[in-house]
Amino acid sequence: MIRIEHLCKAYDGKPVLRDFSLTMESGGHLCLMGPSGCGKTTLLRLLMALERPDGGGIAGLDGLRMSAVFQEDRLLPYLTAAKNISVAAGCTETAAEKALLQVGFDPEDLKKNAVQLSGGMARRVSIVRAMLTSGDAVLLDEPFKGLDDLTREKVMQFVKENLKNRTTILVTHDPRDAKDLAAAKIIEMETEK
């Protein structure tokens, strides 16, 4: 169980999270929604210890292994898509290639370095990398942005098949994402004033 208690975070004196509390069951699926700037991405960064809170705390993360899809794809430009995945996820390139084909890659695309991929292709690499990384939790920050409906459907199916009872926190502006991932809890966050 993850317990977020009275969490506070501000940037340059401007509060982003103020007295935010939340409890989440292990293996549960949570969706965070709300306007830009309300602290959704900041909360994920705090959970991954990429930021430190100004107040409050987070319990239940000890020993928890996480993978993430960031808003930016964060790929190594001169490695193939499969190599980007295998290096980070610790899987074989063959497993990565098989997964990429599942999410709509063409066999010819497997030969391209990440720098040659379209935005939608790079996004899919990021998603596959997070899903093939073994761990207890997956944090997804706007993972399906920029994907056309057909591709989104393939990717969503791949994600659902690979959640394997992992705790999932999804940040999105699209209510379809919460519905399709069967989020048990949807939190509407608001901008701090």
C-alpha atoms as a PDB file:
ATOM      1  CA  MET A   1       0.000   0.000   0.000  1.00  0.00           C
ATOM      2  CA  ILE A   2       1.241   3.484  -0.890  1.00  0.00           C
ATOM      3  CA  ARG A   3       0.281   6.248   1.526  1.00  0.00           C
ATOM      4  CA  ILE A   4       0.751   9.895   0.574  1.00  0.00           C
ATOM      5  CA  GLU A   5       0.243  12.108   3.612  1.00  0.00           C
ATOM      6  CA  HIS A   6      -0.108  15.900   3.584  1.00  0.00           C
ATOM      7  CA  LEU A   7       2.313  16.270   0.681  1.00  0.00           C
ATOM      8  CA  CYS A   8       3.412  19.797  -0.204  1.00  0.00           C
ATOM      9  CA  LYS A   9       5.568  21.000  -3.075  1.00  0.00           C
ATOM     10  CA  ALA A  10       6.176  24.489  -4.425  1.00  0.00           C
ATOM     11  CA  TYR A  11       8.371  25.942  -7.156  1.00  0.00           C
ATOM     12  CA  ASP A  12       9.721  29.471  -6.680  1.00  0.00           C
ATOM     13  CA  GLY A  13       7.248  29.978  -3.861  1.00  0.00           C
ATOM     14  CA  LYS A  14       4.254  28.957  -5.984  1.00  0.00           C
ATOM     15  CA  PRO A  15       2.452  25.923  -4.488  1.00  0.00           C
ATOM     16  CA  VAL A  16       1.808  23.031  -6.845  1.00  0.00           C
ATOM     17  CA  LEU A  17       0.737  20.480  -4.234  1.00  0.00           C
ATOM     18  CA  ARG A  18      -0.671  21.582  -0.894  1.00  0.00           C
ATOM     19  CA  ASP A  19      -1.649  19.114   1.829  1.00  0.00           C
ATOM     20  CA  PHE A  20      -2.264  16.339  -0.738  1.00  0.00           C
ATOM     21  CA  SER A  21      -3.135  12.943   0.758  1.00  0.00           C
ATOM     22  CA  LEU A  22      -3.979   9.651  -0.904  1.00  0.00           C
ATOM     23  CA  THR A  23      -3.925   5.931  -0.118  1.00  0.00           C
ATOM     24  CA  MET A  24      -3.492   3.365  -2.858  1.00  0.00           C
ATOM     25  CA  GLU A  25      -3.708  -0.416  -2.604  1.00  0.00           C
ATOM     26  CA  SER A  26      -0.872  -2.503  -4.036  1.00  0.00           C
ATOM     27  CA  GLY A  27      -1.791  -3.732  -7.499  1.00  0.00           C
ATOM     28  CA  GLY A  28      -4.441  -1.030  -7.871  1.00  0.00           C
ATOM     29  CA  HIS A  29      -4.952   1.209 -10.874  1.00  0.00           C
ATOM     30  CA  LEU A  30      -5.225   4.933 -10.203  1.00  0.00           C
ATOM     31  CA  CYS A  31      -5.827   7.742 -12.679  1.00  0.00           C
ATOM     32  CA  LEU A  32      -4.862  11.367 -12.009  1.00  0.00           C
ATOM     33  CA  MET A  33      -6.679  13.974 -14.063  1.00  0.00           C
ATOM     34  CA  GLY A  34      -6.872  17.743 -13.955  1.00  0.00           C
ATOM     35  CA  PRO A  35      -5.679  20.899 -15.673  1.00  0.00           C
ATOM     36  CA  SER A  36      -2.061  21.514 -16.628  1.00  0.00           C
ATOM     37  CA  GLY A  37      -0.038  22.771 -13.686  1.00  0.00           C
ATOM     38  CA  CYS A  38      -2.123  21.086 -10.972  1.00  0.00           C
ATOM     39  CA  GLY A  39       0.729  18.817  -9.832  1.00  0.00           C
ATOM     40  CA  LYS A  40       0.084  15.500 -11.583  1.00  0.00           C
ATOM     41  CA  THR A  41       3.591  15.159 -13.041  1.00  0.00           C
ATOM     42  CA  THR A  42       5.122  16.605  -9.882  1.00  0.00           C
ATOM     43  CA  LEU A  43       3.415  13.874  -7.862  1.00  0.00           C
ATOM     44  CA  LEU A  44       4.900  11.188 -10.120  1.00  0.00           C
ATOM     45  CA  ARG A  45       8.346  12.803  -9.795  1.00  0.00           C
ATOM     46  CA  LEU A  46       7.979  12.780  -5.997  1.00  0.00           C
ATOM     47  CA  LEU A  47       6.986   9.102  -6.055  1.00  0.00           C
ATOM     48  CA  MET A  48      10.105   8.295  -8.111  1.00  0.00           C
ATOM     49  CA  ALA A  49      12.289  10.383  -5.758  1.00  0.00           C
ATOM     50  CA  LEU A  50      13.281  12.679  -8.631  1.00  0.00           C
ATOM     51  CA  GLU A  51      12.021  15.573  -6.483  1.00  0.00           C
ATOM     52  CA  ARG A  52      11.883  16.065  -2.735  1.00  0.00           C
ATOM     53  CA  PRO A  53       8.695  17.214  -1.014  1.00  0.00           C
ATOM     54  CA  ASP A  54       8.647  20.481   0.898  1.00  0.00           C
ATOM     55  CA  GLY A  55       6.394  18.898   3.496  1.00  0.00           C
ATOM     56  CA  GLY A  56       4.463  15.742   4.237  1.00  0.00           C
ATOM     57  CA  GLY A  57       5.631  12.319   3.195  1.00  0.00           C
ATOM     58  CA  ILE A  58       5.170   9.152   1.194  1.00  0.00           C
ATOM     59  CA  ALA A  59       5.143   5.708   2.812  1.00  0.00           C
ATOM     60  CA  GLY A  60       5.101   2.274   1.231  1.00  0.00           C
ATOM     61  CA  LEU A  61       7.794   2.826  -1.386  1.00  0.00           C
ATOM     62  CA  ASP A  62      10.597   0.921   0.364  1.00  0.00           C
ATOM     63  CA  GLY A  63      11.778  -1.837  -1.935  1.00  0.00           C
ATOM     64  CA  LEU A  64       9.169  -0.943  -4.568  1.00  0.00           C
ATOM     65  CA  ARG A  65      10.631  -1.252  -8.085  1.00  0.00           C
ATOM     66  CA  MET A  66       9.131   1.230 -10.554  1.00  0.00           C
ATOM     67  CA  SER A  67       9.174   1.816 -14.277  1.00  0.00           C
ATOM     68  CA  ALA A  68       7.856   4.921 -15.977  1.00  0.00           C
ATOM     69  CA  VAL A  69       6.726   6.515 -19.190  1.00  0.00           C
ATOM     70  CA  PHE A  70       7.695  10.175 -18.970  1.00  0.00           C
ATOM     71  CA  GLN A  71       6.130  12.954 -21.043  1.00  0.00           C
ATOM     72  CA  GLU A  72       9.420  13.056 -22.980  1.00  0.00           C
ATOM     73  CA  ASP A  73      10.467   9.793 -24.646  1.00  0.00           C
ATOM     74  CA  ARG A  74      14.072   9.837 -23.323  1.00  0.00           C
ATOM     75  CA  LEU A  75      15.588   7.485 -25.894  1.00  0.00           C
ATOM     76  CA  LEU A  76      19.238   6.968 -26.735  1.00  0.00           C
ATOM     77  CA  PRO A  77      19.278   8.418 -30.286  1.00  0.00           C
ATOM     78  CA  TYR A  78      21.839   6.166 -31.938  1.00  0.00           C
ATOM     79  CA  LEU A  79      20.508   2.847 -30.694  1.00  0.00           C
ATOM     80  CA  THR A  80      17.693   0.929 -32.362  1.00  0.00           C
ATOM     81  CA  ALA A  81      14.288   0.876 -30.722  1.00  0.00           C
ATOM     82  CA  ALA A  82      14.836  -2.698 -29.525  1.00  0.00           C
ATOM     83  CA  LYS A  83      18.274  -1.877 -28.119  1.00  0.00           C
ATOM     84  CA  ASN A  84      16.810   1.134 -26.265  1.00  0.00           C
ATOM     85  CA  ILE A  85      14.316  -1.220 -24.653  1.00  0.00           C
ATOM     86  CA  SER A  86      16.712  -4.090 -23.890  1.00  0.00           C
ATOM     87  CA  VAL A  87      19.328  -1.811 -22.297  1.00  0.00           C
ATOM     88  CA  ALA A  88      16.812  -0.255 -19.903  1.00  0.00           C
ATOM     89  CA  ALA A  89      14.415  -3.150 -19.341  1.00  0.00           C
ATOM     90  CA  GLY A  90      16.997  -5.909 -19.083  1.00  0.00           C
ATOM     91  CA  CYS A  91      15.236  -8.076 -21.669  1.00  0.00           C
ATOM     92  CA  THR A  92      16.577  -9.522 -24.898  1.00  0.00           C
ATOM     93  CA  GLU A  93      16.428  -7.539 -28.130  1.00  0.00           C
ATOM     94  CA  THR A  94      14.320 -10.370 -29.568  1.00  0.00           C
ATOM     95  CA  ALA A  95      11.698  -9.883 -26.830  1.00  0.00           C
ATOM     96  CA  ALA A  96      11.768  -6.128 -27.455  1.00  0.00           C
ATOM     97  CA  GLU A  97      11.321  -6.601 -31.219  1.00  0.00           C
ATOM     98  CA  LYS A  98       8.393  -8.961 -30.663  1.00  0.00           C
ATOM     99  CA  ALA A  99       6.731  -6.381 -28.405  1.00  0.00           C
ATOM    100  CA  LEU A 100       7.356  -3.574 -30.907  1.00  0.00           C
ATOM    101  CA  LEU A 101       5.656  -5.607 -33.628  1.00  0.00           C
ATOM    102  CA  GLN A 102       2.660  -6.014 -31.285  1.00  0.00           C
ATOM    103  CA  VAL A 103       2.292  -2.239 -31.008  1.00  0.00           C
ATOM    104  CA  GLY A 104       2.355  -1.700 -34.771  1.00  0.00           C
ATOM    105  CA  PHE A 105       6.022  -1.415 -35.750  1.00  0.00           C
ATOM    106  CA  ASP A 106       6.858  -2.559 -39.273  1.00  0.00           C
ATOM    107  CA  PRO A 107       9.775  -5.049 -39.480  1.00  0.00           C
ATOM    108  CA  GLU A 108      11.749  -2.444 -41.483  1.00  0.00           C
ATOM    109  CA  ASP A 109      11.341   0.065 -38.634  1.00  0.00           C
ATOM    110  CA  LEU A 110      13.198  -2.288 -36.307  1.00  0.00           C
ATOM    111  CA  LYS A 111      16.422  -1.460 -38.168  1.00  0.00           C
ATOM    112  CA  LYS A 112      16.138   2.295 -37.542  1.00  0.00           C
ATOM    113  CA  ASN A 113      17.957   4.145 -34.796  1.00  0.00           C
ATOM    114  CA  ALA A 114      15.763   6.090 -32.382  1.00  0.00           C
ATOM    115  CA  VAL A 115      16.791   9.397 -33.984  1.00  0.00           C
ATOM    116  CA  GLN A 116      15.066   8.220 -37.199  1.00  0.00           C
ATOM    117  CA  LEU A 117      11.740   7.373 -35.565  1.00  0.00           C
ATOM    118  CA  SER A 118       8.582   9.476 -35.799  1.00  0.00           C
ATOM    119  CA  GLY A 119       7.126  10.938 -32.615  1.00  0.00           C
ATOM    120  CA  GLY A 120       4.461   8.237 -32.412  1.00  0.00           C
ATOM    121  CA  MET A 121       7.034   5.496 -32.893  1.00  0.00           C
ATOM    122  CA  ALA A 122       9.300   6.946 -30.195  1.00  0.00           C
ATOM    123  CA  ARG A 123       6.290   7.102 -27.863  1.00  0.00           C
ATOM    124  CA  ARG A 124       5.600   3.409 -28.443  1.00  0.00           C
ATOM    125  CA  VAL A 125       9.238   2.552 -27.690  1.00  0.00           C
ATOM    126  CA  SER A 126       8.940   4.407 -24.368  1.00  0.00           C
ATOM    127  CA  ILE A 127       5.761   2.538 -23.477  1.00  0.00           C
ATOM    128  CA  VAL A 128       7.157  -0.882 -24.412  1.00  0.00           C
ATOM    129  CA  ARG A 129      10.327  -0.130 -22.421  1.00  0.00           C
ATOM    130  CA  ALA A 130       8.297   0.658 -19.287  1.00  0.00           C
ATOM    131  CA  MET A 131       6.063  -2.367 -19.669  1.00  0.00           C
ATOM    132  CA  LEU A 132       8.928  -4.826 -20.245  1.00  0.00           C
ATOM    133  CA  THR A 133      10.867  -3.509 -17.253  1.00  0.00           C
ATOM    134  CA  SER A 134      10.128  -5.819 -14.361  1.00  0.00           C
ATOM    135  CA  GLY A 135       8.811  -4.070 -11.315  1.00  0.00           C
ATOM    136  CA  ASP A 136       6.016  -3.613  -8.865  1.00  0.00           C
ATOM    137  CA  ALA A 137       4.665  -0.303 -10.144  1.00  0.00           C
ATOM    138  CA  VAL A 138       4.260   1.509 -13.456  1.00  0.00           C
ATOM    139  CA  LEU A 139       3.913   5.291 -13.635  1.00  0.00           C
ATOM    140  CA  LEU A 140       2.453   6.553 -16.908  1.00  0.00           C
ATOM    141  CA  ASP A 141       2.584  10.292 -17.659  1.00  0.00           C
ATOM    142  CA  GLU A 142       0.392  11.091 -20.684  1.00  0.00           C
ATOM    143  CA  PRO A 143       1.556   7.848 -22.343  1.00  0.00           C
ATOM    144  CA  PHE A 144      -0.872   7.784 -25.269  1.00  0.00           C
ATOM    145  CA  LYS A 145      -0.494  11.408 -26.418  1.00  0.00           C
ATOM    146  CA  GLY A 146       0.107  11.771 -30.132  1.00  0.00           C
ATOM    147  CA  LEU A 147      -1.101   8.271 -31.060  1.00  0.00           C
ATOM    148  CA  ASP A 148      -3.829   7.870 -33.656  1.00  0.00           C
ATOM    149  CA  ASP A 149      -6.869   5.840 -32.613  1.00  0.00           C
ATOM    150  CA  LEU A 150      -5.830   2.564 -34.286  1.00  0.00           C
ATOM    151  CA  THR A 151      -2.314   2.691 -32.854  1.00  0.00           C
ATOM    152  CA  ARG A 152      -3.642   3.737 -29.452  1.00  0.00           C
ATOM    153  CA  GLU A 153      -5.895   0.680 -29.428  1.00  0.00           C
ATOM    154  CA  LYS A 154      -2.949  -1.668 -30.133  1.00  0.00           C
ATOM    155  CA  VAL A 155      -0.777   0.022 -27.530  1.00  0.00           C
ATOM    156  CA  MET A 156      -3.552   0.022 -24.921  1.00  0.00           C
ATOM    157  CA  GLN A 157      -4.058  -3.718 -25.442  1.00  0.00           C
ATOM    158  CA  PHE A 158      -0.307  -4.306 -25.022  1.00  0.00           C
ATOM    159  CA  VAL A 159      -0.235  -2.227 -21.824  1.00  0.00           C
ATOM    160  CA  LYS A 160      -3.223  -4.056 -20.330  1.00  0.00           C
ATOM    161  CA  GLU A 161      -1.651  -7.433 -21.112  1.00  0.00           C
ATOM    162  CA  ASN A 162       1.593  -6.414 -19.413  1.00  0.00           C
ATOM    163  CA  LEU A 163       0.363  -4.778 -16.223  1.00  0.00           C
ATOM    164  CA  LYS A 164       0.571  -8.143 -14.427  1.00  0.00           C
ATOM    165  CA  ASN A 165      -1.118  -6.931 -11.237  1.00  0.00           C
ATOM    166  CA  ARG A 166       1.357  -4.081 -10.904  1.00  0.00           C
ATOM    167  CA  THR A 167       0.377  -0.902  -9.140  1.00  0.00           C
ATOM    168  CA  THR A 168      -0.395   1.594 -11.899  1.00  0.00           C
ATOM    169  CA  ILE A 169      -0.658   5.364 -11.747  1.00  0.00           C
ATOM    170  CA  LEU A 170      -1.816   7.000 -14.959  1.00  0.00           C
ATOM    171  CA  VAL A 171      -1.705  10.742 -15.604  1.00  0.00           C
ATOM    172  CA  THR A 172      -3.960  11.789 -18.471  1.00  0.00           C
ATOM    173  CA  HIS A 173      -6.297  14.453 -19.802  1.00  0.00           C
ATOM    174  CA  ASP A 174      -8.275  11.829 -21.759  1.00  0.00           C
ATOM    175  CA  PRO A 175     -11.115  10.075 -19.842  1.00  0.00           C
ATOM    176  CA  ARG A 176     -10.888   7.175 -22.352  1.00  0.00           C
ATOM    177  CA  ASP A 177      -7.487   6.251 -20.914  1.00  0.00           C
ATOM    178  CA  ALA A 178      -8.865   5.832 -17.389  1.00  0.00           C
ATOM    179  CA  LYS A 179     -11.795   3.797 -18.694  1.00  0.00           C
ATOM    180  CA  ASP A 180      -9.676   1.583 -20.961  1.00  0.00           C
ATOM    181  CA  LEU A 181      -7.162   0.818 -18.188  1.00  0.00           C
ATOM    182  CA  ALA A 182     -10.048   0.118 -15.809  1.00  0.00           C
ATOM    183  CA  ALA A 183      -8.749   2.585 -13.229  1.00  0.00           C
ATOM    184  CA  ALA A 184     -10.357   1.686  -9.902  1.00  0.00           C
ATOM    185  CA  LYS A 185      -9.915   5.230  -8.642  1.00  0.00           C
ATOM    186  CA  ILE A 186      -9.923   8.526 -10.545  1.00  0.00           C
ATOM    187  CA  ILE A 187      -8.601  11.597  -8.746  1.00  0.00           C
ATOM    188  CA  GLU A 188      -9.501  15.027 -10.162  1.00  0.00           C
ATOM    189  CA  MET A 189      -6.700  17.350  -9.121  1.00  0.00           C
ATOM    190  CA  GLU A 190      -7.090  21.123  -9.041  1.00  0.00           C
ATOM    191  CA  THR A 191      -4.625  23.941  -9.548  1.00  0.00           C
ATOM    192  CA  GLU A 192      -3.376  25.449  -6.272  1.00  0.00           C
ATOM    193  CA  LYS A 193      -4.062  29.128  -5.851  1.00  0.00           C
END
